[in-house]
């Protein structure tokens, strides 16, 4: 017998069963806030979970986890959540908004995840597609030799009038506030963008300062001194560096600033001895995906799904 019920305690415990013994799993959010937390229980044991959020026009499903081998329980779980959302379109997986974890990792799974990568078992893809979800957007990560990017962008390294600088570790919180303000202005027109407070944004980076190399986080300033773009990269395991975010304000996107930031970040990575660069989580069709000059190889693919009622 399968039962779907609200049970926050079981909801928070389930990932420990899904990822038991997995050396790469990093526990997700514990400070979750959602409209509903559902757990599917089969023969008295929780086997799947999902959280649901209502927005004005969309329903959102996230924080999804499920044990393998329980497709009927997952199907009933999705039906319950979609019915409660009562929206024409439901998207997921998304943990509330795009500032937090979203997208399903659909592989390949032969390489370990990089830091901050969405992570899930391979069988999750079939659980979503078998229940009426279709791909809404695709994202990719690439692996590349950073020296190849430096060579490709060599003639774009300088942009007249613009200055690049490193993050100032002594002003770490203030520098994060600059990243927050730039991100709001750069990404606010993106599909599914949702505003969060500065305080919540800062909490996302609690404890990360010790993992970051300030010379791999760059800001671009226009001739009048305004911060107009940034590159966020950080060291990973096994001699790799992850290029996580590259953004430039709309008014400066044809200036060459993005290419200059990317060149300088990779030049510094080479100088520091990195031989692997992961270009992380770029959307299909985004020009940033071409800044490797074709030298990158596919590392992973990710899907964001929609369910049309």
Foldseek 3Di string as FASTA:
>chain_A
DKDKDFDVVLLQPVVCVQCPPPPQDDRDDPPADAPTKIFIADPRHTFWIWGWHEDPAEIEIESIDGHPDPLVSLLVRVVVRVVVNPHQKYKFDDRVAPLGDTWAWQDDPPDRDWPPDDDGDNCVVCSQVVNFKDFPFKWFKWKFFLVLLLVLLVVLQDFPQKDKDFDDLVCVLVVLVVVVVLCCQFCVPPPRHDDDDSVVSVVVCVPVSVQADRQLKMFMAGNVGDTFWIWDKTDTPPQEIEGEDTTGHPVCPPRSVSSNSSNSNSVVSVVVPRGMYMDDIGTPPDPVVCSSVPRIDTGTMTGMIMHRD
